[in-house]
């Protein structure tokens, strides 16, 4: 496989895994009632809002903590699936031209 293809596949996997990590962190912060005034909480919350893929309000549950865990957890899983699919597509498309 060409070096550029390898680097591109790696970048896609890292980016999508980081997106999933942010979403899982936000869900964990919410479940354990992290301090919303904390700078790390605010940073993760701002990123999670942008990375949730519109799934942050998919399920409306009685408990806000469960709702965050389910909705942001689902968004994290979607990011992992998208990253895997994109990485495989890139490898197949660009790897076949060498």
PDB file of N, CA and C in Angstrom:
ATOM      1  N   UNK A   1       0.852  -1.175   0.000  1.00  0.00           N
ATOM      2  CA  UNK A   1       0.000   0.000   0.000  1.00  0.00           C
ATOM      3  C   UNK A   1       0.897   1.238   0.000  1.00  0.00           C
ATOM      4  N   UNK A   2       0.544   2.211  -0.779  1.00  0.00           N
ATOM      5  CA  UNK A   2       1.309   3.434  -0.887  1.00  0.00           C
ATOM      6  C   UNK A   2       1.298   4.195   0.427  1.00  0.00           C
ATOM      7  N   UNK A   3       2.374   4.894   0.721  1.00  0.00           N
ATOM      8  CA  UNK A   3       2.511   5.616   1.996  1.00  0.00           C
ATOM      9  C   UNK A   3       1.403   6.645   2.195  1.00  0.00           C
ATOM     10  N   UNK A   4       1.028   7.375   1.165  1.00  0.00           N
ATOM     11  CA  UNK A   4      -0.027   8.383   1.291  1.00  0.00           C
ATOM     12  C   UNK A   4      -1.358   7.742   1.664  1.00  0.00           C
ATOM     13  N   UNK A   5      -1.634   6.596   1.110  1.00  0.00           N
ATOM     14  CA  UNK A   5      -2.862   5.871   1.446  1.00  0.00           C
ATOM     15  C   UNK A   5      -2.838   5.448   2.907  1.00  0.00           C
ATOM     16  N   UNK A   6      -1.715   4.936   3.343  1.00  0.00           N
ATOM     17  CA  UNK A   6      -1.572   4.515   4.736  1.00  0.00           C
ATOM     18  C   UNK A   6      -1.774   5.681   5.689  1.00  0.00           C
ATOM     19  N   UNK A   7      -1.190   6.802   5.372  1.00  0.00           N
ATOM     20  CA  UNK A   7      -1.329   8.004   6.212  1.00  0.00           C
ATOM     21  C   UNK A   7      -2.779   8.484   6.219  1.00  0.00           C
ATOM     22  N   UNK A   8      -3.430   8.460   5.090  1.00  0.00           N
ATOM     23  CA  UNK A   8      -4.827   8.896   5.009  1.00  0.00           C
ATOM     24  C   UNK A   8      -5.743   7.972   5.813  1.00  0.00           C
ATOM     25  N   UNK A   9      -5.539   6.681   5.700  1.00  0.00           N
ATOM     26  CA  UNK A   9      -6.332   5.713   6.471  1.00  0.00           C
ATOM     27  C   UNK A   9      -6.103   5.941   7.963  1.00  0.00           C
ATOM     28  N   UNK A  10      -4.851   6.133   8.353  1.00  0.00           N
ATOM     29  CA  UNK A  10      -4.524   6.389   9.757  1.00  0.00           C
ATOM     30  C   UNK A  10      -5.210   7.668  10.244  1.00  0.00           C
ATOM     31  N   UNK A  11      -5.182   8.739   9.447  1.00  0.00           N
ATOM     32  CA  UNK A  11      -5.787  10.009   9.838  1.00  0.00           C
ATOM     33  C   UNK A  11      -7.298   9.884  10.016  1.00  0.00           C
ATOM     34  N   UNK A  12      -7.938   9.150   9.128  1.00  0.00           N
ATOM     35  CA  UNK A  12      -9.390   8.932   9.239  1.00  0.00           C
ATOM     36  C   UNK A  12      -9.708   8.165  10.518  1.00  0.00           C
ATOM     37  N   UNK A  13      -8.949   7.131  10.785  1.00  0.00           N
ATOM     38  CA  UNK A  13      -9.202   6.336  11.999  1.00  0.00           C
ATOM     39  C   UNK A  13      -8.961   7.145  13.261  1.00  0.00           C
ATOM     40  N   UNK A  14      -7.896   7.916  13.292  1.00  0.00           N
ATOM     41  CA  UNK A  14      -7.606   8.734  14.478  1.00  0.00           C
ATOM     42  C   UNK A  14      -8.694   9.787  14.679  1.00  0.00           C
ATOM     43  N   UNK A  15      -9.078  10.461  13.611  1.00  0.00           N
ATOM     44  CA  UNK A  15     -10.089  11.522  13.725  1.00  0.00           C
ATOM     45  C   UNK A  15     -11.432  10.978  14.206  1.00  0.00           C
ATOM     46  N   UNK A  16     -11.858   9.857  13.657  1.00  0.00           N
ATOM     47  CA  UNK A  16     -13.163   9.317  14.052  1.00  0.00           C
ATOM     48  C   UNK A  16     -13.114   8.722  15.453  1.00  0.00           C
ATOM     49  N   UNK A  17     -11.991   8.165  15.837  1.00  0.00           N
ATOM     50  CA  UNK A  17     -11.862   7.638  17.206  1.00  0.00           C
ATOM     51  C   UNK A  17     -11.820   8.773  18.221  1.00  0.00           C
ATOM     52  N   UNK A  18     -11.178   9.874  17.869  1.00  0.00           N
ATOM     53  CA  UNK A  18     -11.180  11.035  18.764  1.00  0.00           C
ATOM     54  C   UNK A  18     -12.588  11.601  18.922  1.00  0.00           C
ATOM     55  N   UNK A  19     -13.339  11.647  17.828  1.00  0.00           N
ATOM     56  CA  UNK A  19     -14.725  12.111  17.908  1.00  0.00           C
ATOM     57  C   UNK A  19     -15.524  11.206  18.834  1.00  0.00           C
ATOM     58  N   UNK A  20     -15.357   9.907  18.702  1.00  0.00           N
ATOM     59  CA  UNK A  20     -16.054   8.959  19.571  1.00  0.00           C
ATOM     60  C   UNK A  20     -15.624   9.132  21.022  1.00  0.00           C
ATOM     61  N   UNK A  21     -14.345   9.350  21.256  1.00  0.00           N
ATOM     62  CA  UNK A  21     -13.842   9.550  22.608  1.00  0.00           C
ATOM     63  C   UNK A  21     -14.462  10.775  23.272  1.00  0.00           C
ATOM     64  N   UNK A  22     -14.564  11.867  22.530  1.00  0.00           N
ATOM     65  CA  UNK A  22     -15.179  13.091  23.065  1.00  0.00           C
ATOM     66  C   UNK A  22     -16.625  12.809  23.466  1.00  0.00           C
ATOM     67  N   UNK A  23     -17.349  12.109  22.628  1.00  0.00           N
ATOM     68  CA  UNK A  23     -18.752  11.808  22.921  1.00  0.00           C
ATOM     69  C   UNK A  23     -18.892  10.906  24.147  1.00  0.00           C
ATOM     70  N   UNK A  24     -18.029   9.917  24.263  1.00  0.00           N
ATOM     71  CA  UNK A  24     -18.064   9.030  25.427  1.00  0.00           C
ATOM     72  C   UNK A  24     -17.691   9.810  26.690  1.00  0.00           C
ATOM     73  N   UNK A  25     -16.699  10.679  26.594  1.00  0.00           N
ATOM     74  CA  UNK A  25     -16.332  11.513  27.743  1.00  0.00           C
ATOM     75  C   UNK A  25     -17.497  12.371  28.202  1.00  0.00           C
ATOM     76  N   UNK A  26     -18.195  12.972  27.254  1.00  0.00           N
ATOM     77  CA  UNK A  26     -19.331  13.808  27.627  1.00  0.00           C
ATOM     78  C   UNK A  26     -20.420  12.976  28.295  1.00  0.00           C
ATOM     79  N   UNK A  27     -20.679  11.795  27.782  1.00  0.00           N
ATOM     80  CA  UNK A  27     -21.679  10.915  28.396  1.00  0.00           C
ATOM     81  C   UNK A  27     -21.261  10.547  29.816  1.00  0.00           C
ATOM     82  N   UNK A  28     -19.994  10.220  30.003  1.00  0.00           N
ATOM     83  CA  UNK A  28     -19.492   9.874  31.339  1.00  0.00           C
ATOM     84  C   UNK A  28     -19.577  11.080  32.271  1.00  0.00           C
ATOM     85  N   UNK A  29     -19.182  12.257  31.785  1.00  0.00           N
ATOM     86  CA  UNK A  29     -19.284  13.475  32.597  1.00  0.00           C
ATOM     87  C   UNK A  29     -20.727  13.705  33.039  1.00  0.00           C
ATOM     88  N   UNK A  30     -21.662  13.455  32.144  1.00  0.00           N
ATOM     89  CA  UNK A  30     -23.072  13.669  32.459  1.00  0.00           C
ATOM     90  C   UNK A  30     -23.576  12.622  33.444  1.00  0.00           C
ATOM     91  N   UNK A  31     -23.250  11.371  33.221  1.00  0.00           N
ATOM     92  CA  UNK A  31     -23.704  10.292  34.100  1.00  0.00           C
ATOM     93  C   UNK A  31     -23.214  10.511  35.532  1.00  0.00           C
ATOM     94  N   UNK A  32     -21.976  10.939  35.677  1.00  0.00           N
ATOM     95  CA  UNK A  32     -21.413  11.125  37.011  1.00  0.00           C
ATOM     96  C   UNK A  32     -21.538  12.565  37.513  1.00  0.00           C
ATOM     97  N   UNK A  33     -22.345  13.356  36.808  1.00  0.00           N
ATOM     98  CA  UNK A  33     -22.654  14.734  37.209  1.00  0.00           C
ATOM     99  C   UNK A  33     -21.402  15.572  37.445  1.00  0.00           C
ATOM    100  N   UNK A  34     -20.584  15.669  36.429  1.00  0.00           N
ATOM    101  CA  UNK A  34     -19.383  16.503  36.507  1.00  0.00           C
ATOM    102  C   UNK A  34     -19.777  17.967  36.681  1.00  0.00           C
ATOM    103  N   UNK A  35     -18.878  18.728  37.219  1.00  0.00           N
ATOM    104  CA  UNK A  35     -19.110  20.145  37.481  1.00  0.00           C
ATOM    105  C   UNK A  35     -19.165  20.926  36.161  1.00  0.00           C
ATOM    106  N   UNK A  36     -20.332  21.497  35.798  1.00  0.00           N
ATOM    107  CA  UNK A  36     -20.453  22.230  34.535  1.00  0.00           C
ATOM    108  C   UNK A  36     -19.604  23.500  34.476  1.00  0.00           C
ATOM    109  N   UNK A  37     -19.123  23.964  35.608  1.00  0.00           N
ATOM    110  CA  UNK A  37     -18.274  25.156  35.630  1.00  0.00           C
ATOM    111  C   UNK A  37     -16.814  24.820  35.326  1.00  0.00           C
ATOM    112  N   UNK A  38     -16.469  23.528  35.320  1.00  0.00           N
ATOM    113  CA  UNK A  38     -15.110  23.099  35.046  1.00  0.00           C
ATOM    114  C   UNK A  38     -14.770  23.325  33.583  1.00  0.00           C
ATOM    115  N   UNK A  39     -13.576  23.817  33.327  1.00  0.00           N
ATOM    116  CA  UNK A  39     -13.152  24.148  31.956  1.00  0.00           C
ATOM    117  C   UNK A  39     -13.104  22.905  31.065  1.00  0.00           C
ATOM    118  N   UNK A  40     -12.703  21.753  31.618  1.00  0.00           N
ATOM    119  CA  UNK A  40     -12.653  20.525  30.819  1.00  0.00           C
ATOM    120  C   UNK A  40     -14.049  20.071  30.438  1.00  0.00           C
ATOM    121  N   UNK A  41     -14.967  20.169  31.386  1.00  0.00           N
ATOM    122  CA  UNK A  41     -16.356  19.830  31.097  1.00  0.00           C
ATOM    123  C   UNK A  41     -16.884  20.722  29.970  1.00  0.00           C
ATOM    124  N   UNK A  42     -16.638  22.014  30.075  1.00  0.00           N
ATOM    125  CA  UNK A  42     -17.135  22.960  29.073  1.00  0.00           C
ATOM    126  C   UNK A  42     -16.527  22.696  27.700  1.00  0.00           C
ATOM    127  N   UNK A  43     -15.245  22.376  27.682  1.00  0.00           N
ATOM    128  CA  UNK A  43     -14.564  22.081  26.417  1.00  0.00           C
ATOM    129  C   UNK A  43     -15.154  20.829  25.761  1.00  0.00           C
ATOM    130  N   UNK A  44     -15.290  19.765  26.547  1.00  0.00           N
ATOM    131  CA  UNK A  44     -15.840  18.510  26.008  1.00  0.00           C
ATOM    132  C   UNK A  44     -17.295  18.706  25.592  1.00  0.00           C
ATOM    133  N   UNK A  45     -18.059  19.446  26.388  1.00  0.00           N
ATOM    134  CA  UNK A  45     -19.464  19.691  26.056  1.00  0.00           C
ATOM    135  C   UNK A  45     -19.599  20.444  24.730  1.00  0.00           C
ATOM    136  N   UNK A  46     -18.744  21.448  24.509  1.00  0.00           N
ATOM    137  CA  UNK A  46     -18.832  22.217  23.257  1.00  0.00           C
ATOM    138  C   UNK A  46     -18.482  21.354  22.048  1.00  0.00           C
ATOM    139  N   UNK A  47     -17.494  20.486  22.194  1.00  0.00           N
ATOM    140  CA  UNK A  47     -17.142  19.586  21.094  1.00  0.00           C
ATOM    141  C   UNK A  47     -18.232  18.540  20.865  1.00  0.00           C
ATOM    142  N   UNK A  48     -18.758  17.993  21.955  1.00  0.00           N
ATOM    143  CA  UNK A  48     -19.768  16.935  21.844  1.00  0.00           C
ATOM    144  C   UNK A  48     -21.011  17.443  21.121  1.00  0.00           C
ATOM    145  N   UNK A  49     -21.389  18.678  21.369  1.00  0.00           N
ATOM    146  CA  UNK A  49     -22.552  19.238  20.687  1.00  0.00           C
ATOM    147  C   UNK A  49     -22.370  19.257  19.180  1.00  0.00           C
ATOM    148  N   UNK A  50     -21.156  19.540  18.747  1.00  0.00           N
ATOM    149  CA  UNK A  50     -20.877  19.580  17.307  1.00  0.00           C
ATOM    150  C   UNK A  50     -20.707  18.194  16.695  1.00  0.00           C
ATOM    151  N   UNK A  51     -20.283  17.237  17.495  1.00  0.00           N
ATOM    152  CA  UNK A  51     -19.972  15.905  16.980  1.00  0.00           C
ATOM    153  C   UNK A  51     -21.107  14.899  17.129  1.00  0.00           C
ATOM    154  N   UNK A  52     -22.221  15.309  17.707  1.00  0.00           N
ATOM    155  CA  UNK A  52     -23.290  14.352  18.023  1.00  0.00           C
ATOM    156  C   UNK A  52     -24.086  13.879  16.810  1.00  0.00           C
ATOM    157  N   UNK A  53     -23.858  14.472  15.657  1.00  0.00           N
ATOM    158  CA  UNK A  53     -24.508  14.052  14.410  1.00  0.00           C
ATOM    159  C   UNK A  53     -26.041  14.150  14.479  1.00  0.00           C
ATOM    160  N   UNK A  54     -26.530  15.037  15.316  1.00  0.00           N
ATOM    161  CA  UNK A  54     -27.977  15.193  15.462  1.00  0.00           C
ATOM    162  C   UNK A  54     -28.626  14.119  16.313  1.00  0.00           C
ATOM    163  N   UNK A  55     -27.819  13.262  16.919  1.00  0.00           N
ATOM    164  CA  UNK A  55     -28.353  12.154  17.704  1.00  0.00           C
ATOM    165  C   UNK A  55     -28.522  12.498  19.178  1.00  0.00           C
ATOM    166  N   UNK A  56     -28.128  13.701  19.584  1.00  0.00           N
ATOM    167  CA  UNK A  56     -28.159  14.053  21.005  1.00  0.00           C
ATOM    168  C   UNK A  56     -29.573  14.127  21.570  1.00  0.00           C
ATOM    169  N   UNK A  57     -30.552  14.234  20.704  1.00  0.00           N
ATOM    170  CA  UNK A  57     -31.948  14.291  21.166  1.00  0.00           C
ATOM    171  C   UNK A  57     -32.799  13.182  20.546  1.00  0.00           C
ATOM    172  N   UNK A  58     -32.156  12.140  20.069  1.00  0.00           N
ATOM    173  CA  UNK A  58     -32.889  11.064  19.409  1.00  0.00           C
ATOM    174  C   UNK A  58     -33.868  10.382  20.365  1.00  0.00           C
ATOM    175  N   UNK A  59     -33.375  10.006  21.536  1.00  0.00           N
ATOM    176  CA  UNK A  59     -34.229   9.389  22.538  1.00  0.00           C
ATOM    177  C   UNK A  59     -34.441  10.371  23.682  1.00  0.00           C
ATOM    178  N   UNK A  60     -35.671  10.525  24.096  1.00  0.00           N
ATOM    179  CA  UNK A  60     -35.990  11.408  25.212  1.00  0.00           C
ATOM    180  C   UNK A  60     -36.419  10.546  26.390  1.00  0.00           C
ATOM    181  N   UNK A  61     -35.510  10.377  27.321  1.00  0.00           N
ATOM    182  CA  UNK A  61     -35.740   9.508  28.466  1.00  0.00           C
ATOM    183  C   UNK A  61     -36.039  10.351  29.707  1.00  0.00           C
ATOM    184  N   UNK A  62     -36.612   9.726  30.701  1.00  0.00           N
ATOM    185  CA  UNK A  62     -36.986  10.428  31.927  1.00  0.00           C
ATOM    186  C   UNK A  62     -35.761  10.928  32.692  1.00  0.00           C
ATOM    187  N   UNK A  63     -34.678  10.178  32.662  1.00  0.00           N
ATOM    188  CA  UNK A  63     -33.461  10.539  33.382  1.00  0.00           C
ATOM    189  C   UNK A  63     -32.452  11.146  32.403  1.00  0.00           C
ATOM    190  N   UNK A  64     -32.020  12.371  32.664  1.00  0.00           N
ATOM    191  CA  UNK A  64     -31.075  13.059  31.776  1.00  0.00           C
ATOM    192  C   UNK A  64     -29.755  12.303  31.633  1.00  0.00           C
ATOM    193  N   UNK A  65     -29.358  11.617  32.690  1.00  0.00           N
ATOM    194  CA  UNK A  65     -28.088  10.882  32.628  1.00  0.00           C
ATOM    195  C   UNK A  65     -28.190   9.698  31.668  1.00  0.00           C
ATOM    196  N   UNK A  66     -29.279   8.942  31.737  1.00  0.00           N
ATOM    197  CA  UNK A  66     -29.485   7.835  30.797  1.00  0.00           C
ATOM    198  C   UNK A  66     -29.609   8.355  29.378  1.00  0.00           C
ATOM    199  N   UNK A  67     -30.310   9.482  29.238  1.00  0.00           N
ATOM    200  CA  UNK A  67     -30.493  10.070  27.904  1.00  0.00           C
ATOM    201  C   UNK A  67     -29.150  10.422  27.277  1.00  0.00           C
ATOM    202  N   UNK A  68     -28.283  11.050  28.047  1.00  0.00           N
ATOM    203  CA  UNK A  68     -26.956  11.399  27.529  1.00  0.00           C
ATOM    204  C   UNK A  68     -26.156  10.150  27.198  1.00  0.00           C
ATOM    205  N   UNK A  69     -26.216   9.165  28.074  1.00  0.00           N
ATOM    206  CA  UNK A  69     -25.467   7.932  27.845  1.00  0.00           C
ATOM    207  C   UNK A  69     -25.923   7.233  26.569  1.00  0.00           C
ATOM    208  N   UNK A  70     -27.227   7.133  26.378  1.00  0.00           N
ATOM    209  CA  UNK A  70     -27.760   6.441  25.196  1.00  0.00           C
ATOM    210  C   UNK A  70     -27.495   7.246  23.925  1.00  0.00           C
ATOM    211  N   UNK A  71     -27.851   8.523  23.925  1.00  0.00           N
ATOM    212  CA  UNK A  71     -27.751   9.329  22.706  1.00  0.00           C
ATOM    213  C   UNK A  71     -26.310   9.605  22.288  1.00  0.00           C
ATOM    214  N   UNK A  72     -25.481  10.024  23.227  1.00  0.00           N
ATOM    215  CA  UNK A  72     -24.085  10.305  22.882  1.00  0.00           C
ATOM    216  C   UNK A  72     -23.299   9.018  22.670  1.00  0.00           C
ATOM    217  N   UNK A  73     -23.680   7.956  23.386  1.00  0.00           N
ATOM    218  CA  UNK A  73     -23.061   6.655  23.146  1.00  0.00           C
ATOM    219  C   UNK A  73     -23.363   6.148  21.752  1.00  0.00           C
ATOM    220  N   UNK A  74     -24.599   6.333  21.318  1.00  0.00           N
ATOM    221  CA  UNK A  74     -24.975   5.934  19.958  1.00  0.00           C
ATOM    222  C   UNK A  74     -24.198   6.738  18.913  1.00  0.00           C
ATOM    223  N   UNK A  75     -24.066   8.025  19.152  1.00  0.00           N
ATOM    224  CA  UNK A  75     -23.294   8.864  18.223  1.00  0.00           C
ATOM    225  C   UNK A  75     -21.837   8.401  18.165  1.00  0.00           C
ATOM    226  N   UNK A  76     -21.275   8.003  19.311  1.00  0.00           N
ATOM    227  CA  UNK A  76     -19.898   7.500  19.333  1.00  0.00           C
ATOM    228  C   UNK A  76     -19.771   6.232  18.502  1.00  0.00           C
ATOM    229  N   UNK A  77     -20.737   5.340  18.623  1.00  0.00           N
ATOM    230  CA  UNK A  77     -20.726   4.095  17.836  1.00  0.00           C
ATOM    231  C   UNK A  77     -20.815   4.415  16.345  1.00  0.00           C
ATOM    232  N   UNK A  78     -21.653   5.374  15.989  1.00  0.00           N
ATOM    233  CA  UNK A  78     -21.777   5.767  14.578  1.00  0.00           C
ATOM    234  C   UNK A  78     -20.440   6.287  14.063  1.00  0.00           C
ATOM    235  N   UNK A  79     -19.752   7.121  14.855  1.00  0.00           N
ATOM    236  CA  UNK A  79     -18.441   7.626  14.435  1.00  0.00           C
ATOM    237  C   UNK A  79     -17.459   6.474  14.215  1.00  0.00           C
ATOM    238  N   UNK A  80     -17.472   5.492  15.089  1.00  0.00           N
ATOM    239  CA  UNK A  80     -16.559   4.350  14.930  1.00  0.00           C
ATOM    240  C   UNK A  80     -16.878   3.549  13.674  1.00  0.00           C
ATOM    241  N   UNK A  81     -18.156   3.365  13.392  1.00  0.00           N
ATOM    242  CA  UNK A  81     -18.558   2.642  12.180  1.00  0.00           C
ATOM    243  C   UNK A  81     -18.171   3.434  10.939  1.00  0.00           C
ATOM    244  N   UNK A  82     -18.466   4.721  10.930  1.00  0.00           N
ATOM    245  CA  UNK A  82     -18.125   5.571   9.786  1.00  0.00           C
ATOM    246  C   UNK A  82     -16.615   5.561   9.546  1.00  0.00           C
ATOM    247  N   UNK A  83     -15.842   5.658  10.615  1.00  0.00           N
ATOM    248  CA  UNK A  83     -14.383   5.638  10.476  1.00  0.00           C
ATOM    249  C   UNK A  83     -13.876   4.343   9.881  1.00  0.00           C
ATOM    250  N   UNK A  84     -14.435   3.235  10.326  1.00  0.00           N
ATOM    251  CA  UNK A  84     -14.027   1.937   9.811  1.00  0.00           C
ATOM    252  C   UNK A  84     -14.389   1.777   8.334  1.00  0.00           C
ATOM    253  N   UNK A  85     -15.612   2.175   7.999  1.00  0.00           N
ATOM    254  CA  UNK A  85     -16.067   2.073   6.608  1.00  0.00           C
ATOM    255  C   UNK A  85     -15.222   2.974   5.703  1.00  0.00           C
ATOM    256  N   UNK A  86     -14.997   4.216   6.115  1.00  0.00           N
ATOM    257  CA  UNK A  86     -14.193   5.138   5.301  1.00  0.00           C
ATOM    258  C   UNK A  86     -12.768   4.629   5.130  1.00  0.00           C
ATOM    259  N   UNK A  87     -12.169   4.156   6.206  1.00  0.00           N
ATOM    260  CA  UNK A  87     -10.794   3.651   6.122  1.00  0.00           C
ATOM    261  C   UNK A  87     -10.710   2.475   5.154  1.00  0.00           C
ATOM    262  N   UNK A  88     -11.671   1.578   5.218  1.00  0.00           N
ATOM    263  CA  UNK A  88     -11.664   0.436   4.299  1.00  0.00           C
ATOM    264  C   UNK A  88     -11.899   0.862   2.857  1.00  0.00           C
ATOM    265  N   UNK A  89     -12.804   1.810   2.650  1.00  0.00           N
ATOM    266  CA  UNK A  89     -13.035   2.321   1.295  1.00  0.00           C
ATOM    267  C   UNK A  89     -11.788   2.986   0.729  1.00  0.00           C
ATOM    268  N   UNK A  90     -11.150   3.806   1.534  1.00  0.00           N
ATOM    269  CA  UNK A  90      -9.925   4.482   1.081  1.00  0.00           C
ATOM    270  C   UNK A  90      -8.861   3.450   0.726  1.00  0.00           C
ATOM    271  N   UNK A  91      -8.702   2.456   1.585  1.00  0.00           N
ATOM    272  CA  UNK A  91      -7.696   1.427   1.321  1.00  0.00           C
ATOM    273  C   UNK A  91      -8.009   0.672   0.036  1.00  0.00           C
ATOM    274  N   UNK A  92      -9.270   0.345  -0.195  1.00  0.00           N
ATOM    275  CA  UNK A  92      -9.644  -0.399  -1.400  1.00  0.00           C
ATOM    276  C   UNK A  92      -9.511   0.437  -2.662  1.00  0.00           C
ATOM    277  N   UNK A  93      -9.982   1.691  -2.582  1.00  0.00           N
ATOM    278  CA  UNK A  93      -9.965   2.543  -3.772  1.00  0.00           C
ATOM    279  C   UNK A  93      -8.557   2.991  -4.120  1.00  0.00           C
ATOM    280  N   UNK A  94      -7.862   3.560  -3.139  1.00  0.00           N
ATOM    281  CA  UNK A  94      -6.521   4.082  -3.415  1.00  0.00           C
ATOM    282  C   UNK A  94      -5.473   2.984  -3.453  1.00  0.00           C
ATOM    283  N   UNK A  95      -5.684   1.923  -2.691  1.00  0.00           N
ATOM    284  CA  UNK A  95      -4.732   0.822  -2.682  1.00  0.00           C
ATOM    285  C   UNK A  95      -4.753   0.011  -3.956  1.00  0.00           C
ATOM    286  N   UNK A  96      -5.866   0.036  -4.664  1.00  0.00           N
ATOM    287  CA  UNK A  96      -5.981  -0.753  -5.895  1.00  0.00           C
ATOM    288  C   UNK A  96      -5.342  -0.080  -7.091  1.00  0.00           C
ATOM    289  N   UNK A  97      -4.940   1.193  -6.952  1.00  0.00           N
ATOM    290  CA  UNK A  97      -4.348   1.922  -8.072  1.00  0.00           C
ATOM    291  C   UNK A  97      -2.820   1.883  -8.053  1.00  0.00           C
ATOM    292  N   UNK A  98      -2.276   1.022  -7.251  1.00  0.00           N
ATOM    293  CA  UNK A  98      -0.811   1.003  -7.154  1.00  0.00           C
ATOM    294  C   UNK A  98      -0.232  -0.153  -7.916  1.00  0.00           C
TER     295      UNK A  98
END
